Amino acid sequence: MATCEHLEGADSPAPVTPEGCAECLATGTRWVHLRKCLRCGHIGCCDSSPGRHATAHFRETGHPVIVSFEPGENWRWCYLDNLMDAHDGLA
């Protein structure tokens, strides 16, 4: 499976807002799925959600790696290298 330096060096910080997408919670918007930034722990909604806040967070900060914050999903995504990998760690 392909990998990149960003995926290999990713941390797993505590989620900033474990109850959901930070921006959606602030505005009362709903999300479809949640993603966690592996640089700072920001929780954002997926690109199927109206706000697309996980991708917006990447564009604003340059933090390249997210992990699914959904129960039972076990993958990470690098925005810079357009790579996904499965992992055994916890979100």
Protein backbone atom coordinates (compact mmCIF):
# COMPACT_ATOMS: atom_id res chain seq x y z
CA MET A 1 0.00 0.00 0.00
CA ALA A 2 1.32 3.45 -0.89
CA THR A 3 2.22 5.82 1.92
CA CYS A 4 3.76 9.24 2.33
CA GLU A 5 5.84 11.16 4.86
CA HIS A 6 2.75 12.96 6.15
CA LEU A 7 0.90 9.73 6.95
CA GLU A 8 4.01 8.16 8.45
CA GLY A 9 4.65 11.16 10.70
CA ALA A 10 1.04 11.83 11.76
CA ASP A 11 0.23 12.16 15.45
CA SER A 12 -3.07 11.42 17.16
CA PRO A 13 -3.95 14.46 19.28
CA ALA A 14 -7.03 14.55 21.48
CA PRO A 15 -10.15 15.76 19.66
CA VAL A 16 -10.88 19.44 20.32
CA THR A 17 -14.66 19.00 20.09
CA PRO A 18 -15.39 15.27 20.54
CA GLU A 19 -19.13 15.96 20.37
CA GLY A 20 -18.94 16.96 16.68
CA CYS A 21 -17.81 19.37 13.98
CA ALA A 22 -16.61 22.58 15.64
CA GLU A 23 -18.02 24.91 12.99
CA CYS A 24 -21.33 23.07 12.63
CA LEU A 25 -21.81 23.10 16.40
CA ALA A 26 -21.18 26.85 16.43
CA THR A 27 -23.73 27.53 13.69
CA GLY A 28 -26.29 24.82 14.42
CA THR A 29 -25.60 23.04 11.11
CA ARG A 30 -25.77 19.27 10.65
CA TRP A 31 -22.99 17.04 9.34
CA VAL A 32 -22.85 13.66 7.58
CA HIS A 33 -19.52 12.22 8.81
CA LEU A 34 -16.73 13.55 11.00
CA ARG A 35 -12.98 13.80 10.42
CA LYS A 36 -10.18 14.61 12.89
CA CYS A 37 -7.05 16.58 12.01
CA LEU A 38 -4.00 14.62 13.07
CA ARG A 39 -1.95 17.76 13.62
CA CYS A 40 -4.17 19.69 16.04
CA GLY A 41 -7.25 17.55 16.83
CA HIS A 42 -9.77 19.81 15.05
CA ILE A 43 -13.01 17.94 14.31
CA GLY A 44 -14.58 18.87 10.99
CA CYS A 45 -17.32 17.48 8.78
CA CYS A 46 -16.69 15.50 5.59
CA ASP A 47 -17.05 16.71 2.01
CA SER A 48 -20.54 15.12 1.82
CA SER A 49 -21.64 17.55 4.55
CA PRO A 50 -22.90 21.04 3.61
CA GLY A 51 -20.01 22.82 5.36
CA ARG A 52 -17.09 20.62 4.25
CA HIS A 53 -15.26 21.90 7.32
CA ALA A 54 -12.51 19.24 7.42
CA THR A 55 -11.28 20.26 3.96
CA ALA A 56 -11.73 23.95 4.82
CA HIS A 57 -9.53 23.39 7.89
CA PHE A 58 -6.83 21.87 5.67
CA ARG A 59 -7.01 24.82 3.26
CA GLU A 60 -6.78 27.33 6.12
CA THR A 61 -4.03 25.62 8.12
CA GLY A 62 -2.14 23.36 5.74
CA HIS A 63 -2.50 20.46 8.20
CA PRO A 64 -2.28 17.57 5.72
CA VAL A 65 -3.65 14.44 7.43
CA ILE A 66 -7.11 13.57 8.71
CA VAL A 67 -8.54 10.41 10.19
CA SER A 68 -12.13 9.25 10.15
CA PHE A 69 -13.79 10.15 13.45
CA GLU A 70 -16.61 7.67 12.79
CA PRO A 71 -16.99 4.50 14.89
CA GLY A 72 -15.80 1.44 13.01
CA GLU A 73 -13.94 3.38 10.30
CA ASN A 74 -10.21 2.87 10.33
CA TRP A 75 -8.51 5.06 7.71
CA ARG A 76 -6.42 8.20 7.29
CA TRP A 77 -6.19 10.61 4.34
CA CYS A 78 -3.36 12.90 3.23
CA TYR A 79 -4.66 15.94 1.35
CA LEU A 80 -1.22 16.84 -0.04
CA ASP A 81 -0.44 13.45 -1.58
CA ASN A 82 -4.05 12.31 -2.19
CA LEU A 83 -3.36 9.05 -0.36
CA MET A 84 -5.49 6.99 1.98
CA ASP A 85 -4.31 4.25 4.27
CA ALA A 86 -5.87 1.92 6.79
CA HIS A 87 -4.43 2.05 10.28
CA ASP A 88 -4.79 0.17 13.54
CA GLY A 89 -4.62 3.18 15.86
CA LEU A 90 -7.52 4.95 17.50
CA ALA A 91 -8.89 8.19 16.10
